Amino acid sequence: MKNMPVTFGMGRAVSSLQVKNWNVRPLQKENAARIAEQTGIPFFLAMMLEIRGFHTAEAAAAFLQGGDSLSSPYLLPDMEKAAARLRRGIDDFEKIAVYGDYDADGVTATSILFSYLQTCGADVLYYIPEREGEGYGMNLQAVEKLAQQGVQLIVTVDNGISSHQEVKRAKELGMDVIITDHHRPQSTLPEAVAVVDAWRLDSRCPFKDFSGVGVAFQLMMALEMEDGDPQSLLDNYADLAAIGTIGDVVPLTGENRTLVKAGLRMLQVPERAGIRALLRHASMEGKTLNAVNVAFSLVPRINATGRMGSSERAVSLLTSEDEAEAESLAADICEDNERRRQTELEIMKKVAALLEKEPERVHDRVLVVEGEGWHHGVIGIVAARLTEHFGKPCMVLSVSEEETKGSGRSIEGFSLFEAVDACKALLTRYGGHPMAAGLSLPTKNIEAFRREINRYAAKQKEMPIPSLTLDCRLNPAALRVELPELLEEMEPFGEGNPSPLFGLYGMTLKEISPVGSGKHLRLGFGKGSASVHCMKFSTTAEEFPYRIGDVMDLAVSLDAREFRGEKNLSVVIRDCRPSDADFTILLKQERLYEKLCRKEPLSREEKDSLLPRREDFAGVYRFLRQNGGWNGPAMFLWYRMKLTSLHMGRLLFLLDIMEERGLITRKNRGGRVLIELRPVQGKVDLNASPLMGCLAE
């Protein structure tokens, strides 16, 4: 989270440096050479495929040709029941409601099923709850409303797996419900006519990682199998399926890869008026589309309709056949996206103010923040930014007088769904998956929820450290403009098939040049006879903690950019670290300090590792005096001092003591700690510090 002030001090210190554990995928070069020889593809591409788990020529060739073939939809639980009941509803001209969701996945799922049923001659309407007034999934008021409209059959898409009460009420009102969902089921299922979800325990489906639109597509396939060719559905609906699948951040492997590859081909020459208009307003018209730029252009704009208003406009856009209507809707939706950005910024500022007022929250294993009336449509994005910034799971709660709604994001290795499930006694409803969760709870339970979810986290063996996976280490001398073109063969990139990331190790920083009005940096590096220029976006020279001459490891992505008719290699830094420091160990040491701040029991060994020695104080004070204080991340203070015997947690505690005894003042500016020495009269007795005393016991 950029430029977020977090105060330092006992019970309130945090290094605020994004630290990740770098992992390099294993590579068998001999096997890669074999694949290259047998398939005729370049060695670099064969190497990348071998790294990604395609260990035979056959597997590599199959991956390059496309995704898996679409399996029988009848392998999904209850699909036969769902198809039979929906087919009867079509034949008997019953009024059918497609009940969707307000994100890109739910909107596209609603759009394709609604459009398809229209082509089948069904009497169909769609309903999407408003995020702000109704929240996620089915709700009783909506069920009542649909009954009043004469609906006889409700088909949910991208929701419904937890809607026990709503399904029961629909049944009482004479309506049948078919649930199609991709979220994790709870211990019991709603009593619907059919519950189609690949994650059911009795599922025989070989592929489970569908998005909501993927499950809706499977339902359409089941309907089409009776008297049509289900594969032809790709030619008509893969574009919408691709947008929803990309938007829901499900793995782009297996059948999802098939949908997205087919959809991206359609999006290159879009037939839908709404998609053409949206591409124009997103400045993407005529550009080559891939999963990454779809995720950053189309998906946020579709999501914005649900976040800032009614998602029904997005369905209208995606199903519109009128150019003028589509143009107007696309313009409105893009305005929503800009309002979303501003609202997000406002909430981020309020979160920063909350953490400045109550900085002890930052030391929780799971960060929970709340604010009155925070926009429900934006709190999920804020949670994602907090998670990225602090490297720990985060829940953001929007408080109202009676009920509070929340959205959370997690890090790999900590299931947020299981953590929330452990707090279910405090909640009115919840759902999600390991990396994200949503919930509602009585407002009076907020503090109890914060305690309970952190109590659950404390029972885990150890909270995971955020990780970064590199495909391989590259020799900077081997970089050339052809490499990104070879990587295009592995598209689409996304969850489960991430954009390739490479490690350039032991690079000496030679040049720091601000570009883009100072908002970005162009950095020059050297290693041996090789020299490389890299871009570091969204980082100013003041925020960049490295100096000329530092030896760094770089995690980079490669791209080919055309300039004046000539292609040039673009190397973009995604992460970096000093080559000679293990910041992962430092983060673990900092977490011990956080344990102290939470006033949790410490062993004698842990206390001794945190307790500063006289020489520690002398070394830190000497460094600050020689350098006129400090302005930078706390972890870099440790790095610059070269005091390898000084525990990172001990350094943070030592700074607490120095501030307490009046030796320094500290302020925090966006992850940078500003330390200034104060004039001192006479000798300061550090052993008299109450903070020292709490560890010396």
Foldseek 3Di string as FASTA:
>chain_A
DFFFFFDAFQLFHDLLDADFAEAAQDWDLVQLVVLCVVQVADSLLSRLCVSLPQRHNVSSVVLLVFAADDDQLVLWFQLVLVLVVVVVQFVVQAEEEEEFEQALLRLLLRLLLQVLSVVSVHNYDYHYDFCQPANDADDQVVLVVCLVVRHAEYEYFQHQFFPQPNQVVNVVSNHAYEYQHAFAHDPDGHPGSTHGYCNPPPRRDPDHQAHRSRSSLSSVLVNQVVPHHSVCVLVPRLLSSLLSRLLVQTACHHVNRRSNVSNLVCLLPPPQLLSQLQCVVQVNPNHRDFSVVSNVRVRLLLLLCSQQHDSVLVSCSRNDPDNVSSNVSSVVSVVSSVVLVVLLVVVSNVQSVVCNVVSSLLLFQEREEEDEQRRSSNQQVNQVVVCSSSVHKYKYWYDDQFKIKIKIFGAPPAFVQVLVVQVCVQFPDKTDTGGMIITMGTRVCRVVSSVSSSVVVVPDPDGDGHHDYAHEEDALVPDDQCVQVSQVSSDDAGRNRHAHKYKHFFWFWADWDQDPVQQKTWTWTDDDPHIDIAIEGRAGPLQDPDDGGFTKMFIWGWDWDDDPNDTDIYIYGPDMDGNPDDVVQLVVLLSLLSCVSVVHDDDLVSLVLQQDDPVRLVLLVVVCVVVQFFKYRLVVSVVVSPPVSRRNSNSSLSVNLCVVQQQWDWTGTGSIITIHGDDDDDDTDSCPGVSSVVSVD
